[in-house]
């Protein structure tokens, strides 16, 4: 079995501006492709914590299911998707545990997420993707107080919208089960799919 994710890669120029939102806040661990962060905690919370991606659909598939998923993704025909990253949000349960950047999605991006979710369900995913949430995970913040996070948000917001033009999306995977090894093993990009 493998954990597979269809996702939009956030371009490096947008990541540059997102990094500029970082501040030293107690008990906040910023995700980064270099330092790793809590890279594959996703699935403890049904969330994709890989830095630099907007998750569209995810679940566990065997090899045949992953091939069906890839085949379905190849058949998606949509124009390029534009969107803007415009503000921060905090995920809670009930205390804050994640800082995310919220995306103002275009109709094309919303349709892309819907088609990816339909594709992974059709491929027989063990875990059905929840409703699409246009969020890019930025940091774990479990342990930080609401007051600290509110103060941080006041410091960085409002910020100019970070505009993104998306001309492709990807399928990533990570082996699961005893052979997978450490939870810190990163996802790998298996396939890329063009838009436009």
C-alpha atoms as a PDB file:
ATOM      1  CA  UNK A   1       0.000   0.000   0.000  1.00  0.00           C
ATOM      2  CA  UNK A   2       1.038   3.592  -0.526  1.00  0.00           C
ATOM      3  CA  UNK A   3      -0.323   6.909   0.647  1.00  0.00           C
ATOM      4  CA  UNK A   4      -0.990   9.002  -2.459  1.00  0.00           C
ATOM      5  CA  UNK A   5      -1.776  12.680  -2.776  1.00  0.00           C
ATOM      6  CA  UNK A   6      -2.831  14.836  -5.700  1.00  0.00           C
ATOM      7  CA  UNK A   7      -1.581  18.341  -5.030  1.00  0.00           C
ATOM      8  CA  UNK A   8      -0.679  21.688  -6.533  1.00  0.00           C
ATOM      9  CA  UNK A   9       2.937  22.707  -6.028  1.00  0.00           C
ATOM     10  CA  UNK A  10       3.250  26.234  -4.701  1.00  0.00           C
ATOM     11  CA  UNK A  11       5.820  28.066  -6.898  1.00  0.00           C
ATOM     12  CA  UNK A  12       9.106  29.051  -5.295  1.00  0.00           C
ATOM     13  CA  UNK A  13       8.398  32.774  -5.660  1.00  0.00           C
ATOM     14  CA  UNK A  14       5.195  32.346  -3.614  1.00  0.00           C
ATOM     15  CA  UNK A  15       7.095  30.262  -1.020  1.00  0.00           C
ATOM     16  CA  UNK A  16       9.592  33.122  -0.768  1.00  0.00           C
ATOM     17  CA  UNK A  17       6.820  35.502   0.257  1.00  0.00           C
ATOM     18  CA  UNK A  18       5.281  32.931   2.606  1.00  0.00           C
ATOM     19  CA  UNK A  19       8.639  32.548   4.356  1.00  0.00           C
ATOM     20  CA  UNK A  20       8.600  36.295   4.959  1.00  0.00           C
ATOM     21  CA  UNK A  21       5.524  35.761   7.170  1.00  0.00           C
ATOM     22  CA  UNK A  22       7.581  33.747   9.648  1.00  0.00           C
ATOM     23  CA  UNK A  23       8.281  35.184  13.077  1.00  0.00           C
ATOM     24  CA  UNK A  24       9.844  33.689  16.205  1.00  0.00           C
ATOM     25  CA  UNK A  25       6.769  32.544  18.129  1.00  0.00           C
ATOM     26  CA  UNK A  26       7.115  30.213  21.139  1.00  0.00           C
ATOM     27  CA  UNK A  27       6.138  26.591  20.393  1.00  0.00           C
ATOM     28  CA  UNK A  28       5.720  27.217  16.653  1.00  0.00           C
ATOM     29  CA  UNK A  29       7.563  24.853  14.278  1.00  0.00           C
ATOM     30  CA  UNK A  30       7.641  26.232  10.716  1.00  0.00           C
ATOM     31  CA  UNK A  31       7.508  23.654   7.930  1.00  0.00           C
ATOM     32  CA  UNK A  32      10.351  23.777   5.465  1.00  0.00           C
ATOM     33  CA  UNK A  33      11.721  21.390   2.834  1.00  0.00           C
ATOM     34  CA  UNK A  34      15.184  21.811   4.355  1.00  0.00           C
ATOM     35  CA  UNK A  35      14.522  21.372   8.060  1.00  0.00           C
ATOM     36  CA  UNK A  36      11.749  18.835   7.517  1.00  0.00           C
ATOM     37  CA  UNK A  37       9.360  19.908  10.247  1.00  0.00           C
ATOM     38  CA  UNK A  38       6.570  17.462  11.044  1.00  0.00           C
ATOM     39  CA  UNK A  39       6.481  16.343   7.439  1.00  0.00           C
ATOM     40  CA  UNK A  40       4.235  13.339   7.511  1.00  0.00           C
ATOM     41  CA  UNK A  41       2.039  13.948  10.471  1.00  0.00           C
ATOM     42  CA  UNK A  42      -0.705  14.493   7.871  1.00  0.00           C
ATOM     43  CA  UNK A  43      -2.356  11.522   8.146  1.00  0.00           C
ATOM     44  CA  UNK A  44      -2.669  11.459  11.917  1.00  0.00           C
ATOM     45  CA  UNK A  45      -5.062  14.356  11.322  1.00  0.00           C
ATOM     46  CA  UNK A  46      -6.150  13.534   7.761  1.00  0.00           C
ATOM     47  CA  UNK A  47      -4.077  16.486   6.640  1.00  0.00           C
ATOM     48  CA  UNK A  48      -1.138  16.910   4.308  1.00  0.00           C
ATOM     49  CA  UNK A  49       1.660  18.746   6.108  1.00  0.00           C
ATOM     50  CA  UNK A  50       4.203  18.657   3.313  1.00  0.00           C
ATOM     51  CA  UNK A  51       5.595  22.182   2.939  1.00  0.00           C
ATOM     52  CA  UNK A  52       5.002  23.856  -0.384  1.00  0.00           C
ATOM     53  CA  UNK A  53       1.913  21.995  -1.577  1.00  0.00           C
ATOM     54  CA  UNK A  54      -1.814  22.601  -1.712  1.00  0.00           C
ATOM     55  CA  UNK A  55      -3.416  19.158  -1.188  1.00  0.00           C
ATOM     56  CA  UNK A  56      -6.395  18.334  -3.414  1.00  0.00           C
ATOM     57  CA  UNK A  57      -7.159  14.652  -2.679  1.00  0.00           C
ATOM     58  CA  UNK A  58      -5.428  11.888  -0.731  1.00  0.00           C
ATOM     59  CA  UNK A  59      -5.817   8.314   0.503  1.00  0.00           C
ATOM     60  CA  UNK A  60      -4.253   4.829   0.678  1.00  0.00           C
ATOM     61  CA  UNK A  61      -4.079   2.750  -2.514  1.00  0.00           C
ATOM     62  CA  UNK A  62      -2.478  -0.494  -3.604  1.00  0.00           C
ATOM     63  CA  UNK A  63      -0.367  -0.548  -6.778  1.00  0.00           C
ATOM     64  CA  UNK A  64      -3.338  -1.245  -9.049  1.00  0.00           C
ATOM     65  CA  UNK A  65      -5.346   1.532  -7.390  1.00  0.00           C
ATOM     66  CA  UNK A  66      -2.452   3.979  -7.790  1.00  0.00           C
ATOM     67  CA  UNK A  67      -2.329   3.137 -11.505  1.00  0.00           C
ATOM     68  CA  UNK A  68      -6.073   3.772 -11.805  1.00  0.00           C
ATOM     69  CA  UNK A  69      -5.651   7.067  -9.964  1.00  0.00           C
ATOM     70  CA  UNK A  70      -2.825   8.117 -12.285  1.00  0.00           C
ATOM     71  CA  UNK A  71      -4.885   7.173 -15.337  1.00  0.00           C
ATOM     72  CA  UNK A  72      -7.840   9.225 -14.110  1.00  0.00           C
ATOM     73  CA  UNK A  73      -5.623  12.241 -13.365  1.00  0.00           C
ATOM     74  CA  UNK A  74      -4.172  12.061 -16.880  1.00  0.00           C
ATOM     75  CA  UNK A  75      -7.678  12.529 -18.263  1.00  0.00           C
ATOM     76  CA  UNK A  76      -8.355  15.786 -16.401  1.00  0.00           C
ATOM     77  CA  UNK A  77      -8.581  18.632 -18.915  1.00  0.00           C
ATOM     78  CA  UNK A  78      -8.767  22.067 -17.335  1.00  0.00           C
ATOM     79  CA  UNK A  79      -7.255  25.492 -18.035  1.00  0.00           C
ATOM     80  CA  UNK A  80      -4.520  26.963 -15.883  1.00  0.00           C
ATOM     81  CA  UNK A  81      -5.722  27.886 -12.405  1.00  0.00           C
ATOM     82  CA  UNK A  82      -5.006  31.269 -10.839  1.00  0.00           C
ATOM     83  CA  UNK A  83      -5.415  31.878  -7.132  1.00  0.00           C
ATOM     84  CA  UNK A  84      -4.246  34.233  -4.401  1.00  0.00           C
ATOM     85  CA  UNK A  85      -2.926  33.567  -0.904  1.00  0.00           C
ATOM     86  CA  UNK A  86      -4.454  36.366   1.075  1.00  0.00           C
ATOM     87  CA  UNK A  87      -4.599  35.695   4.809  1.00  0.00           C
ATOM     88  CA  UNK A  88      -3.756  33.374   7.697  1.00  0.00           C
ATOM     89  CA  UNK A  89      -5.980  30.965   9.568  1.00  0.00           C
ATOM     90  CA  UNK A  90      -5.499  28.695  12.569  1.00  0.00           C
ATOM     91  CA  UNK A  91      -6.817  25.134  12.740  1.00  0.00           C
ATOM     92  CA  UNK A  92      -8.115  24.187  16.188  1.00  0.00           C
ATOM     93  CA  UNK A  93      -9.348  21.075  18.024  1.00  0.00           C
ATOM     94  CA  UNK A  94     -10.215  22.908  20.315  1.00  0.00           C
ATOM     95  CA  UNK A  95      -6.812  24.566  20.842  1.00  0.00           C
ATOM     96  CA  UNK A  96      -4.789  25.874  17.873  1.00  0.00           C
ATOM     97  CA  UNK A  97      -2.504  23.240  16.363  1.00  0.00           C
ATOM     98  CA  UNK A  98      -1.732  24.487  12.812  1.00  0.00           C
ATOM     99  CA  UNK A  99      -0.991  27.811  11.122  1.00  0.00           C
ATOM    100  CA  UNK A 100      -2.141  27.842   7.495  1.00  0.00           C
ATOM    101  CA  UNK A 101      -2.262  30.311   4.646  1.00  0.00           C
ATOM    102  CA  UNK A 102      -5.779  30.573   3.235  1.00  0.00           C
ATOM    103  CA  UNK A 103      -6.228  30.601  -0.517  1.00  0.00           C
ATOM    104  CA  UNK A 104      -8.924  32.421  -2.430  1.00  0.00           C
ATOM    105  CA  UNK A 105      -9.594  29.654  -4.965  1.00  0.00           C
ATOM    106  CA  UNK A 106     -10.668  30.196  -8.539  1.00  0.00           C
ATOM    107  CA  UNK A 107     -13.524  28.117  -9.981  1.00  0.00           C
ATOM    108  CA  UNK A 108     -10.911  26.147 -11.948  1.00  0.00           C
ATOM    109  CA  UNK A 109      -8.975  25.255  -8.798  1.00  0.00           C
ATOM    110  CA  UNK A 110     -12.168  24.166  -7.038  1.00  0.00           C
ATOM    111  CA  UNK A 111     -13.117  22.045 -10.051  1.00  0.00           C
ATOM    112  CA  UNK A 112      -9.624  20.514 -10.145  1.00  0.00           C
ATOM    113  CA  UNK A 113      -9.949  19.494  -6.496  1.00  0.00           C
ATOM    114  CA  UNK A 114     -13.390  18.003  -7.168  1.00  0.00           C
ATOM    115  CA  UNK A 115     -12.110  15.961 -10.115  1.00  0.00           C
ATOM    116  CA  UNK A 116      -9.077  14.726  -8.155  1.00  0.00           C
ATOM    117  CA  UNK A 117     -11.340  13.631  -5.293  1.00  0.00           C
ATOM    118  CA  UNK A 118     -13.633  11.829  -7.721  1.00  0.00           C
ATOM    119  CA  UNK A 119     -10.571  10.134  -9.234  1.00  0.00           C
ATOM    120  CA  UNK A 120      -9.200   8.870  -5.915  1.00  0.00           C
ATOM    121  CA  UNK A 121     -12.602   7.549  -4.853  1.00  0.00           C
ATOM    122  CA  UNK A 122     -12.909   5.778  -8.195  1.00  0.00           C
ATOM    123  CA  UNK A 123      -9.462   4.262  -7.678  1.00  0.00           C
ATOM    124  CA  UNK A 124     -10.657   2.658  -4.425  1.00  0.00           C
ATOM    125  CA  UNK A 125      -8.873   4.781  -1.807  1.00  0.00           C
ATOM    126  CA  UNK A 126      -9.082   3.382   1.717  1.00  0.00           C
ATOM    127  CA  UNK A 127      -9.441   6.886   3.138  1.00  0.00           C
ATOM    128  CA  UNK A 128     -11.935   9.182   1.460  1.00  0.00           C
ATOM    129  CA  UNK A 129     -10.698  12.723   1.043  1.00  0.00           C
ATOM    130  CA  UNK A 130     -12.610  15.235   3.140  1.00  0.00           C
ATOM    131  CA  UNK A 131     -14.090  18.393   1.681  1.00  0.00           C
ATOM    132  CA  UNK A 132     -11.491  20.465  -0.164  1.00  0.00           C
ATOM    133  CA  UNK A 133      -9.983  23.093   2.109  1.00  0.00           C
ATOM    134  CA  UNK A 134      -7.934  25.693   0.210  1.00  0.00           C
ATOM    135  CA  UNK A 135      -5.187  25.891   2.829  1.00  0.00           C
ATOM    136  CA  UNK A 136      -1.400  25.666   2.654  1.00  0.00           C
ATOM    137  CA  UNK A 137       0.050  24.355   5.948  1.00  0.00           C
ATOM    138  CA  UNK A 138       2.781  26.664   7.277  1.00  0.00           C
ATOM    139  CA  UNK A 139       3.558  25.527  10.821  1.00  0.00           C
ATOM    140  CA  UNK A 140       2.663  23.364  13.777  1.00  0.00           C
ATOM    141  CA  UNK A 141       1.661  25.569  16.699  1.00  0.00           C
ATOM    142  CA  UNK A 142       0.467  23.125  19.348  1.00  0.00           C
ATOM    143  CA  UNK A 143       1.490  24.619  22.688  1.00  0.00           C
ATOM    144  CA  UNK A 144       1.393  28.233  21.518  1.00  0.00           C
ATOM    145  CA  UNK A 145      -1.243  30.286  23.322  1.00  0.00           C
ATOM    146  CA  UNK A 146      -4.116  32.010  21.552  1.00  0.00           C
ATOM    147  CA  UNK A 147      -2.701  35.325  22.750  1.00  0.00           C
ATOM    148  CA  UNK A 148       0.701  34.601  21.171  1.00  0.00           C
ATOM    149  CA  UNK A 149      -0.911  33.584  17.880  1.00  0.00           C
ATOM    150  CA  UNK A 150      -3.235  36.599  17.856  1.00  0.00           C
ATOM    151  CA  UNK A 151      -0.251  38.882  18.443  1.00  0.00           C
ATOM    152  CA  UNK A 152       1.628  37.162  15.599  1.00  0.00           C
ATOM    153  CA  UNK A 153      -1.340  37.535  13.224  1.00  0.00           C
ATOM    154  CA  UNK A 154      -1.633  41.245  14.041  1.00  0.00           C
ATOM    155  CA  UNK A 155       2.063  41.671  13.216  1.00  0.00           C
ATOM    156  CA  UNK A 156       1.932  40.109   9.752  1.00  0.00           C
ATOM    157  CA  UNK A 157      -1.606  40.913   8.573  1.00  0.00           C
ATOM    158  CA  UNK A 158      -2.817  42.334   6.377  1.00  0.00           C
ATOM    159  CA  UNK A 159      -0.247  41.392   3.733  1.00  0.00           C
ATOM    160  CA  UNK A 160      -0.467  41.932  -0.027  1.00  0.00           C
ATOM    161  CA  UNK A 161      -2.145  38.959  -1.752  1.00  0.00           C
ATOM    162  CA  UNK A 162       0.382  36.450  -3.076  1.00  0.00           C
ATOM    163  CA  UNK A 163      -0.799  35.646  -6.596  1.00  0.00           C
ATOM    164  CA  UNK A 164      -0.140  32.206  -8.061  1.00  0.00           C
ATOM    165  CA  UNK A 165      -0.608  30.918 -11.614  1.00  0.00           C
ATOM    166  CA  UNK A 166      -0.823  27.127 -11.638  1.00  0.00           C
ATOM    167  CA  UNK A 167      -0.032  25.301 -14.877  1.00  0.00           C
ATOM    168  CA  UNK A 168       0.317  21.782 -13.474  1.00  0.00           C
ATOM    169  CA  UNK A 169      -0.447  19.489 -10.577  1.00  0.00           C
ATOM    170  CA  UNK A 170       1.291  16.378  -9.269  1.00  0.00           C
ATOM    171  CA  UNK A 171       0.703  12.970  -7.758  1.00  0.00           C
ATOM    172  CA  UNK A 172       2.928  12.173  -4.783  1.00  0.00           C
ATOM    173  CA  UNK A 173       3.263   8.959  -2.812  1.00  0.00           C
ATOM    174  CA  UNK A 174       4.823   7.437   0.258  1.00  0.00           C
ATOM    175  CA  UNK A 175       4.987   3.742   1.125  1.00  0.00           C
ATOM    176  CA  UNK A 176       3.041   2.726   4.227  1.00  0.00           C
ATOM    177  CA  UNK A 177       3.227  -0.251   6.553  1.00  0.00           C
ATOM    178  CA  UNK A 178       6.213  -1.869   8.332  1.00  0.00           C
ATOM    179  CA  UNK A 179       8.497  -1.538   5.282  1.00  0.00           C
ATOM    180  CA  UNK A 180       7.984   2.211   5.108  1.00  0.00           C
ATOM    181  CA  UNK A 181      10.409   2.981   7.904  1.00  0.00           C
ATOM    182  CA  UNK A 182      10.460   6.314   9.720  1.00  0.00           C
ATOM    183  CA  UNK A 183       7.458   8.631   9.644  1.00  0.00           C
ATOM    184  CA  UNK A 184       9.956  11.317   8.592  1.00  0.00           C
ATOM    185  CA  UNK A 185      10.414   9.806   5.115  1.00  0.00           C
ATOM    186  CA  UNK A 186       9.238  12.424   2.653  1.00  0.00           C
ATOM    187  CA  UNK A 187       6.674  12.097  -0.096  1.00  0.00           C
ATOM    188  CA  UNK A 188       8.052  11.716  -3.614  1.00  0.00           C
ATOM    189  CA  UNK A 189       6.562  13.134  -6.798  1.00  0.00           C
ATOM    190  CA  UNK A 190       5.560  10.275  -9.084  1.00  0.00           C
ATOM    191  CA  UNK A 191       3.783  12.074 -11.932  1.00  0.00           C
ATOM    192  CA  UNK A 192       3.091  15.577 -13.212  1.00  0.00           C
ATOM    193  CA  UNK A 193      -0.019  16.652 -15.121  1.00  0.00           C
ATOM    194  CA  UNK A 194      -0.350  19.794 -17.210  1.00  0.00           C
ATOM    195  CA  UNK A 195      -3.130  22.357 -17.110  1.00  0.00           C
ATOM    196  CA  UNK A 196      -4.028  24.703 -19.906  1.00  0.00           C
END
